[in-house]
C-alpha cells in the first residue's frame, strides 16, 4: 500500500571493504545493493564489484556518513533505511542526525561482550521509549525497545 518494492535495497557500510562477498544479499541481481566503503575498501573490492554490476559503490567520507546517505536519497531515490549493525555505525548515524527511530533488541544469552553499549559517542541522545517488551524464550531473557531519538543541537 505504500508503493514500496517487495525487497528493499541492501546497504552495507564498511570503511575498509571487509564484507562477506558471498553473502546472499550480494547475490540477487534483482535486488539493488549499495556498498558504502572508503577508498581502500573500494580498491580491495574492485574486481568483485566489477563482476556484480547491480552493486553500486558509494564513497564513504572518513568522518561523515551524511554525504553517502544524501547520495542514496538524491541519486537513488531511497527514502527509508533500516540500519542493522554495530555500535560504530550506529554512533555515526546518530551523530550525523540521520536516525529518527531506534529499534534495540538485547538478550541475556551469551554472545558478544556483556554490557556493550549501542552508542559510543561523546553525547548520548535522549530517547523517548515508544514500546518496550520483555519475554523469555527458555534460553534467556529478551528485551525489545522502540524509541524515538529526540532532536539535539548540532555537534
N, C-alpha and C. Protein backbone atom coordinates (compact mmCIF):
# COMPACT_ATOMS: atom_id res chain seq x y z
N UNK A 1 0.81 -1.20 0.00
CA UNK A 1 0.00 0.00 0.00
C UNK A 1 0.85 1.26 0.00
N UNK A 2 2.11 1.14 0.43
CA UNK A 2 3.00 2.30 0.45
C UNK A 2 3.70 2.51 -0.88
N UNK A 3 3.52 1.57 -1.82
CA UNK A 3 4.18 1.69 -3.10
C UNK A 3 5.67 1.38 -3.05
N UNK A 4 6.09 0.64 -2.05
CA UNK A 4 7.49 0.28 -1.90
C UNK A 4 7.77 -1.06 -2.56
N UNK A 5 9.02 -1.26 -2.97
CA UNK A 5 9.41 -2.54 -3.57
C UNK A 5 9.26 -3.66 -2.55
N UNK A 6 9.02 -4.88 -3.05
CA UNK A 6 8.86 -6.02 -2.14
C UNK A 6 10.14 -6.27 -1.36
N UNK A 7 11.27 -6.16 -2.03
CA UNK A 7 12.56 -6.36 -1.37
C UNK A 7 13.31 -5.04 -1.37
N UNK A 8 13.58 -4.50 -0.19
CA UNK A 8 14.27 -3.22 -0.14
C UNK A 8 15.72 -3.35 -0.60
N UNK A 9 16.27 -2.24 -1.01
CA UNK A 9 17.68 -2.21 -1.39
C UNK A 9 18.52 -2.61 -0.17
N UNK A 10 19.60 -3.29 -0.44
CA UNK A 10 20.51 -3.70 0.62
C UNK A 10 21.67 -2.70 0.67
N UNK A 11 21.98 -2.21 1.84
CA UNK A 11 23.05 -1.22 2.00
C UNK A 11 24.01 -1.73 3.06
N UNK A 12 25.28 -1.79 2.69
CA UNK A 12 26.31 -2.26 3.62
C UNK A 12 27.33 -1.13 3.79
N UNK A 13 27.68 -0.83 5.03
CA UNK A 13 28.70 0.16 5.32
C UNK A 13 29.93 -0.56 5.83
N UNK A 14 31.06 -0.35 5.14
CA UNK A 14 32.32 -0.95 5.56
C UNK A 14 33.46 -0.06 5.10
N UNK A 15 34.03 0.66 6.04
CA UNK A 15 35.10 1.60 5.72
C UNK A 15 36.22 0.92 4.94
N UNK A 16 36.61 -0.27 5.38
CA UNK A 16 37.74 -0.96 4.78
C UNK A 16 37.34 -2.01 3.76
N UNK A 17 36.05 -2.16 3.48
CA UNK A 17 35.61 -3.13 2.50
C UNK A 17 35.72 -4.57 2.97
N UNK A 18 35.66 -4.77 4.24
CA UNK A 18 35.74 -6.14 4.79
C UNK A 18 34.31 -6.68 4.91
N UNK A 19 33.85 -7.26 3.82
CA UNK A 19 32.49 -7.79 3.76
C UNK A 19 32.53 -9.21 3.23
N UNK A 20 31.51 -9.97 3.55
CA UNK A 20 31.37 -11.33 3.03
C UNK A 20 30.81 -11.23 1.61
N UNK A 21 31.70 -11.31 0.64
CA UNK A 21 31.28 -11.13 -0.75
C UNK A 21 30.39 -12.27 -1.25
N UNK A 22 30.34 -13.36 -0.52
CA UNK A 22 29.49 -14.48 -0.92
C UNK A 22 28.14 -14.47 -0.20
N UNK A 23 27.88 -13.43 0.57
CA UNK A 23 26.62 -13.34 1.30
C UNK A 23 25.45 -13.24 0.33
N UNK A 24 24.33 -13.79 0.72
CA UNK A 24 23.13 -13.82 -0.12
C UNK A 24 22.71 -12.43 -0.57
N UNK A 25 22.86 -11.43 0.29
CA UNK A 25 22.37 -10.11 -0.08
C UNK A 25 23.10 -9.53 -1.28
N UNK A 26 24.26 -10.06 -1.62
CA UNK A 26 25.01 -9.59 -2.78
C UNK A 26 24.80 -10.45 -4.02
N UNK A 27 24.03 -11.51 -3.89
CA UNK A 27 23.90 -12.49 -4.97
C UNK A 27 22.58 -12.46 -5.72
N UNK A 28 21.76 -11.46 -5.50
CA UNK A 28 20.46 -11.41 -6.13
C UNK A 28 20.40 -10.15 -7.02
N UNK A 29 20.64 -10.31 -8.32
CA UNK A 29 20.69 -9.14 -9.22
C UNK A 29 19.42 -8.30 -9.22
N UNK A 30 18.27 -8.90 -8.88
CA UNK A 30 17.01 -8.15 -8.89
C UNK A 30 16.89 -7.20 -7.71
N UNK A 31 17.73 -7.38 -6.69
CA UNK A 31 17.67 -6.54 -5.50
C UNK A 31 18.88 -5.60 -5.52
N UNK A 32 18.63 -4.30 -5.65
CA UNK A 32 19.75 -3.38 -5.69
C UNK A 32 20.54 -3.41 -4.39
N UNK A 33 21.85 -3.35 -4.51
CA UNK A 33 22.72 -3.35 -3.34
C UNK A 33 23.70 -2.20 -3.45
N UNK A 34 24.00 -1.60 -2.32
CA UNK A 34 24.91 -0.47 -2.25
C UNK A 34 25.97 -0.78 -1.21
N UNK A 35 27.21 -0.56 -1.58
CA UNK A 35 28.31 -0.74 -0.65
C UNK A 35 28.90 0.63 -0.38
N UNK A 36 28.69 1.10 0.83
CA UNK A 36 29.27 2.37 1.25
C UNK A 36 30.63 2.02 1.84
N UNK A 37 31.69 2.38 1.12
CA UNK A 37 33.04 2.00 1.53
C UNK A 37 34.02 3.12 1.24
N UNK A 38 35.05 3.16 2.05
CA UNK A 38 36.12 4.12 1.84
C UNK A 38 36.96 3.74 0.62
N UNK A 39 37.90 4.59 0.26
CA UNK A 39 38.73 4.36 -0.93
C UNK A 39 39.48 3.03 -0.86
N UNK A 40 40.07 2.72 0.30
CA UNK A 40 40.81 1.46 0.43
C UNK A 40 39.89 0.26 0.26
N UNK A 41 38.70 0.35 0.84
CA UNK A 41 37.74 -0.74 0.72
C UNK A 41 37.29 -0.93 -0.72
N UNK A 42 37.07 0.17 -1.43
CA UNK A 42 36.65 0.08 -2.83
C UNK A 42 37.76 -0.54 -3.69
N UNK A 43 39.01 -0.17 -3.41
CA UNK A 43 40.14 -0.77 -4.15
C UNK A 43 40.22 -2.27 -3.89
N UNK A 44 40.04 -2.66 -2.62
CA UNK A 44 40.11 -4.08 -2.25
C UNK A 44 39.03 -4.89 -2.97
N UNK A 45 37.88 -4.27 -3.20
CA UNK A 45 36.73 -4.99 -3.77
C UNK A 45 36.49 -4.69 -5.25
N UNK A 46 37.39 -3.96 -5.90
CA UNK A 46 37.15 -3.51 -7.27
C UNK A 46 36.80 -4.66 -8.22
N UNK A 47 37.58 -5.74 -8.23
CA UNK A 47 37.31 -6.87 -9.15
C UNK A 47 35.96 -7.51 -8.82
N UNK A 48 35.69 -7.69 -7.55
CA UNK A 48 34.43 -8.29 -7.12
C UNK A 48 33.25 -7.43 -7.53
N UNK A 49 33.37 -6.11 -7.34
CA UNK A 49 32.29 -5.21 -7.75
C UNK A 49 32.09 -5.24 -9.26
N UNK A 50 33.18 -5.39 -10.01
CA UNK A 50 33.08 -5.44 -11.47
C UNK A 50 32.29 -6.64 -11.97
N UNK A 51 32.28 -7.72 -11.19
CA UNK A 51 31.53 -8.93 -11.56
C UNK A 51 30.06 -8.83 -11.19
N UNK A 52 29.69 -7.84 -10.43
CA UNK A 52 28.31 -7.68 -9.95
C UNK A 52 27.85 -6.24 -10.22
N UNK A 53 27.45 -5.96 -11.45
CA UNK A 53 27.08 -4.57 -11.79
C UNK A 53 25.85 -4.05 -11.06
N UNK A 54 25.08 -4.89 -10.42
CA UNK A 54 23.91 -4.42 -9.67
C UNK A 54 24.31 -3.88 -8.29
N UNK A 55 25.57 -4.04 -7.92
CA UNK A 55 26.06 -3.49 -6.65
C UNK A 55 26.79 -2.19 -6.96
N UNK A 56 26.32 -1.12 -6.33
CA UNK A 56 26.93 0.18 -6.58
C UNK A 56 27.78 0.61 -5.39
N UNK A 57 28.96 1.13 -5.69
CA UNK A 57 29.82 1.66 -4.64
C UNK A 57 29.45 3.11 -4.39
N UNK A 58 29.25 3.44 -3.13
CA UNK A 58 29.02 4.82 -2.71
C UNK A 58 30.22 5.20 -1.85
N UNK A 59 30.97 6.23 -2.24
CA UNK A 59 32.16 6.61 -1.46
C UNK A 59 31.80 7.01 -0.03
N UNK A 60 32.65 6.60 0.89
CA UNK A 60 32.47 6.91 2.31
C UNK A 60 33.47 7.98 2.72
N UNK A 61 32.95 9.10 3.18
CA UNK A 61 33.79 10.15 3.74
C UNK A 61 34.32 9.61 5.07
N UNK A 62 35.58 9.82 5.34
CA UNK A 62 36.21 9.28 6.53
C UNK A 62 35.56 9.74 7.83
N UNK A 63 34.93 10.91 7.82
CA UNK A 63 34.40 11.46 9.06
C UNK A 63 32.90 11.68 9.09
N UNK A 64 32.23 11.45 7.96
CA UNK A 64 30.81 11.83 7.90
C UNK A 64 30.04 10.89 6.97
N UNK A 65 29.02 10.26 7.49
CA UNK A 65 28.16 9.39 6.68
C UNK A 65 27.13 10.17 5.87
N UNK A 66 26.88 11.42 6.25
CA UNK A 66 25.81 12.20 5.61
C UNK A 66 25.95 12.27 4.09
N UNK A 67 27.14 12.56 3.51
CA UNK A 67 27.22 12.63 2.05
C UNK A 67 26.79 11.32 1.36
N UNK A 68 27.15 10.19 1.94
CA UNK A 68 26.76 8.89 1.35
C UNK A 68 25.25 8.70 1.44
N UNK A 69 24.67 9.03 2.58
CA UNK A 69 23.22 8.88 2.76
C UNK A 69 22.49 9.87 1.85
N UNK A 70 23.00 11.09 1.75
CA UNK A 70 22.38 12.08 0.85
C UNK A 70 22.42 11.58 -0.59
N UNK A 71 23.51 10.96 -0.99
CA UNK A 71 23.62 10.43 -2.36
C UNK A 71 22.59 9.33 -2.59
N UNK A 72 22.40 8.46 -1.61
CA UNK A 72 21.38 7.41 -1.74
C UNK A 72 20.00 8.04 -1.91
N UNK A 73 19.74 9.09 -1.16
CA UNK A 73 18.44 9.75 -1.23
C UNK A 73 18.24 10.48 -2.56
N UNK A 74 19.21 11.29 -2.94
CA UNK A 74 19.07 12.13 -4.13
C UNK A 74 19.26 11.33 -5.42
N UNK A 75 20.35 10.58 -5.52
CA UNK A 75 20.67 9.88 -6.77
C UNK A 75 19.90 8.58 -6.97
N UNK A 76 19.59 7.90 -5.87
CA UNK A 76 18.97 6.58 -5.97
C UNK A 76 17.51 6.56 -5.54
N UNK A 77 17.01 7.66 -4.99
CA UNK A 77 15.61 7.74 -4.60
C UNK A 77 15.26 6.97 -3.33
N UNK A 78 16.24 6.62 -2.53
CA UNK A 78 15.99 5.87 -1.30
C UNK A 78 15.57 6.83 -0.20
N UNK A 79 14.41 6.60 0.36
CA UNK A 79 13.85 7.49 1.37
C UNK A 79 13.81 6.90 2.78
N UNK A 80 13.87 5.58 2.87
CA UNK A 80 13.73 4.91 4.16
C UNK A 80 14.82 3.84 4.26
N UNK A 81 15.57 3.87 5.37
CA UNK A 81 16.64 2.90 5.57
C UNK A 81 16.47 2.26 6.95
N UNK A 82 16.60 0.96 6.99
CA UNK A 82 16.66 0.23 8.24
C UNK A 82 18.11 -0.22 8.39
N UNK A 83 18.80 0.34 9.35
CA UNK A 83 20.23 0.05 9.53
C UNK A 83 20.42 -0.99 10.62
N UNK A 84 21.07 -2.06 10.26
CA UNK A 84 21.40 -3.12 11.21
C UNK A 84 22.90 -3.18 11.27
N UNK A 85 23.44 -3.07 12.46
CA UNK A 85 24.89 -3.09 12.51
C UNK A 85 25.40 -2.86 13.91
N UNK A 86 26.66 -2.57 13.95
CA UNK A 86 27.33 -2.40 15.22
C UNK A 86 27.29 -0.99 15.76
N UNK A 87 27.91 -0.85 16.90
CA UNK A 87 27.86 0.42 17.61
C UNK A 87 28.58 1.55 16.89
N UNK A 88 29.62 1.25 16.13
CA UNK A 88 30.35 2.32 15.42
C UNK A 88 29.46 2.97 14.36
N UNK A 89 28.80 2.14 13.56
CA UNK A 89 27.91 2.68 12.53
C UNK A 89 26.72 3.36 13.17
N UNK A 90 26.15 2.76 14.22
CA UNK A 90 25.01 3.38 14.90
C UNK A 90 25.39 4.74 15.45
N UNK A 91 26.55 4.84 16.06
CA UNK A 91 27.01 6.11 16.62
C UNK A 91 27.18 7.15 15.53
N UNK A 92 27.79 6.76 14.41
CA UNK A 92 28.00 7.72 13.31
C UNK A 92 26.67 8.18 12.72
N UNK A 93 25.71 7.28 12.59
CA UNK A 93 24.40 7.66 12.05
C UNK A 93 23.68 8.63 12.99
N UNK A 94 23.74 8.34 14.29
CA UNK A 94 23.09 9.22 15.27
C UNK A 94 23.78 10.58 15.30
N UNK A 95 25.11 10.58 15.36
CA UNK A 95 25.85 11.84 15.44
C UNK A 95 25.65 12.70 14.19
N UNK A 96 25.39 12.07 13.05
CA UNK A 96 25.14 12.82 11.82
C UNK A 96 23.69 13.31 11.73
N UNK A 97 22.87 12.95 12.71
CA UNK A 97 21.47 13.37 12.71
C UNK A 97 20.63 12.62 11.69
N UNK A 98 21.04 11.39 11.35
CA UNK A 98 20.37 10.63 10.30
C UNK A 98 19.39 9.58 10.84
N UNK A 99 19.25 9.51 12.15
CA UNK A 99 18.40 8.48 12.76
C UNK A 99 17.22 9.14 13.46
N UNK A 100 16.03 8.58 13.23
CA UNK A 100 14.83 9.07 13.90
C UNK A 100 14.31 8.07 14.91
N UNK A 101 14.39 6.79 14.56
CA UNK A 101 13.87 5.73 15.42
C UNK A 101 14.99 4.75 15.73
N UNK A 102 14.95 4.19 16.93
CA UNK A 102 15.90 3.17 17.33
C UNK A 102 15.11 1.93 17.72
N UNK A 103 15.46 0.81 17.13
CA UNK A 103 14.88 -0.48 17.49
C UNK A 103 16.03 -1.31 18.05
N UNK A 104 15.97 -1.61 19.33
CA UNK A 104 17.08 -2.27 20.00
C UNK A 104 16.58 -3.54 20.66
N UNK A 105 17.23 -4.64 20.34
CA UNK A 105 16.91 -5.93 20.96
C UNK A 105 18.13 -6.39 21.73
N UNK A 106 17.95 -6.68 22.99
CA UNK A 106 19.04 -7.18 23.82
C UNK A 106 18.61 -8.50 24.45
N UNK A 107 19.60 -9.28 24.85
CA UNK A 107 19.31 -10.59 25.43
C UNK A 107 20.33 -10.92 26.50
N UNK A 108 19.96 -11.83 27.39
CA UNK A 108 20.87 -12.31 28.43
C UNK A 108 21.68 -13.50 27.93
N UNK A 109 21.40 -13.95 26.73
CA UNK A 109 22.15 -15.08 26.17
C UNK A 109 23.61 -14.70 25.94
N UNK A 110 24.46 -15.70 25.99
CA UNK A 110 25.87 -15.49 25.72
C UNK A 110 26.10 -15.10 24.27
N UNK A 111 27.04 -14.24 24.04
CA UNK A 111 27.37 -13.80 22.68
C UNK A 111 27.87 -12.37 22.75
N UNK A 112 28.95 -12.10 22.09
CA UNK A 112 29.50 -10.75 22.14
C UNK A 112 30.04 -10.46 23.53
N UNK A 113 30.22 -9.19 23.81
CA UNK A 113 30.73 -8.75 25.10
C UNK A 113 29.59 -8.22 25.94
N UNK A 114 29.41 -8.73 27.15
CA UNK A 114 28.32 -8.23 28.00
C UNK A 114 28.47 -6.74 28.28
N UNK A 115 27.33 -6.05 28.33
CA UNK A 115 27.33 -4.64 28.68
C UNK A 115 27.82 -3.71 27.59
N UNK A 116 27.95 -4.20 26.36
CA UNK A 116 28.41 -3.35 25.26
C UNK A 116 27.32 -2.34 24.94
N UNK A 117 27.65 -1.05 24.95
CA UNK A 117 26.64 -0.05 24.64
C UNK A 117 26.36 0.02 23.14
N UNK A 118 25.15 0.42 22.77
CA UNK A 118 24.85 0.56 21.34
C UNK A 118 25.40 1.87 20.80
N UNK A 119 25.63 2.85 21.69
CA UNK A 119 26.13 4.17 21.30
C UNK A 119 27.43 4.44 22.04
N UNK A 120 28.47 4.89 21.32
CA UNK A 120 29.77 5.12 21.94
C UNK A 120 30.30 6.53 21.69
N UNK A 121 29.44 7.45 21.30
CA UNK A 121 29.88 8.81 21.02
C UNK A 121 30.02 9.65 22.27
N UNK A 122 30.25 10.94 22.05
CA UNK A 122 30.50 11.86 23.15
C UNK A 122 29.25 12.19 23.96
N UNK A 123 28.12 12.38 23.27
CA UNK A 123 26.88 12.78 23.95
C UNK A 123 25.76 11.85 23.52
N UNK A 124 25.36 10.94 24.39
CA UNK A 124 24.28 10.01 24.06
C UNK A 124 22.98 10.76 23.83
N UNK A 125 22.22 10.35 22.83
CA UNK A 125 20.96 11.03 22.57
C UNK A 125 19.92 10.70 23.62
N UNK A 126 18.95 11.58 23.77
CA UNK A 126 17.82 11.33 24.64
C UNK A 126 16.82 10.49 23.87
N UNK A 127 16.35 9.42 24.49
CA UNK A 127 15.41 8.50 23.84
C UNK A 127 14.05 8.60 24.52
N UNK A 128 13.01 8.66 23.70
CA UNK A 128 11.64 8.56 24.19
C UNK A 128 11.14 7.18 23.81
N UNK A 129 11.01 6.29 24.79
CA UNK A 129 10.62 4.92 24.51
C UNK A 129 9.14 4.87 24.13
N UNK A 130 8.87 4.26 22.98
CA UNK A 130 7.52 4.11 22.47
C UNK A 130 6.96 2.75 22.89
N UNK A 131 7.78 1.73 22.73
CA UNK A 131 7.37 0.36 23.05
C UNK A 131 8.52 -0.36 23.74
N UNK A 132 8.19 -1.12 24.75
CA UNK A 132 9.19 -1.97 25.40
C UNK A 132 8.51 -3.28 25.74
N UNK A 133 9.07 -4.36 25.23
CA UNK A 133 8.53 -5.69 25.50
C UNK A 133 9.65 -6.57 26.02
N UNK A 134 9.34 -7.37 27.01
CA UNK A 134 10.31 -8.29 27.57
C UNK A 134 9.68 -9.67 27.68
N UNK A 135 10.46 -10.70 27.37
CA UNK A 135 9.99 -12.07 27.48
C UNK A 135 11.18 -13.00 27.62
N UNK A 136 10.89 -14.24 27.90
CA UNK A 136 11.91 -15.26 28.00
C UNK A 136 11.55 -16.37 27.03
N UNK A 137 12.54 -16.85 26.31
CA UNK A 137 12.27 -17.92 25.35
C UNK A 137 12.80 -19.27 25.84
N UNK A 138 13.10 -19.38 27.13
CA UNK A 138 13.62 -20.62 27.68
C UNK A 138 15.14 -20.71 27.62
N UNK A 139 15.76 -19.88 26.79
CA UNK A 139 17.23 -19.85 26.70
C UNK A 139 17.80 -18.57 27.27
N UNK A 140 16.93 -17.61 27.54
CA UNK A 140 17.39 -16.34 28.08
C UNK A 140 16.32 -15.28 27.97
N UNK A 141 16.53 -14.19 28.69
CA UNK A 141 15.60 -13.07 28.63
C UNK A 141 15.89 -12.22 27.40
N UNK A 142 14.84 -11.67 26.82
CA UNK A 142 14.96 -10.83 25.63
C UNK A 142 14.17 -9.56 25.89
N UNK A 143 14.75 -8.43 25.50
CA UNK A 143 14.07 -7.15 25.63
C UNK A 143 14.11 -6.46 24.27
N UNK A 144 12.96 -6.03 23.79
CA UNK A 144 12.85 -5.28 22.54
C UNK A 144 12.36 -3.88 22.90
N UNK A 145 13.02 -2.86 22.36
CA UNK A 145 12.61 -1.49 22.59
C UNK A 145 12.54 -0.73 21.27
N UNK A 146 11.51 0.07 21.13
CA UNK A 146 11.41 1.03 20.03
C UNK A 146 11.41 2.39 20.69
N UNK A 147 12.37 3.23 20.29
CA UNK A 147 12.46 4.57 20.86
C UNK A 147 12.60 5.60 19.75
N UNK A 148 12.11 6.77 20.03
CA UNK A 148 12.29 7.92 19.14
C UNK A 148 13.52 8.68 19.65
N UNK A 149 14.39 9.05 18.75
CA UNK A 149 15.56 9.84 19.14
C UNK A 149 15.19 11.30 19.05
N UNK A 150 15.30 11.99 20.17
CA UNK A 150 14.98 13.42 20.18
C UNK A 150 16.00 14.20 19.38
N UNK A 151 15.54 15.22 18.73
CA UNK A 151 16.47 16.11 18.02
C UNK A 151 17.38 16.75 19.05
N UNK A 152 18.63 16.93 18.64
CA UNK A 152 19.55 17.60 19.54
C UNK A 152 20.34 18.63 18.76
N UNK A 153 20.96 19.51 19.48
CA UNK A 153 21.73 20.57 18.83
C UNK A 153 22.88 19.97 18.04
N UNK A 154 23.27 20.62 16.97
CA UNK A 154 24.39 20.15 16.15
C UNK A 154 25.65 20.09 17.00
N UNK A 155 26.45 19.09 16.68
CA UNK A 155 27.68 18.90 17.46
C UNK A 155 28.84 19.55 16.76
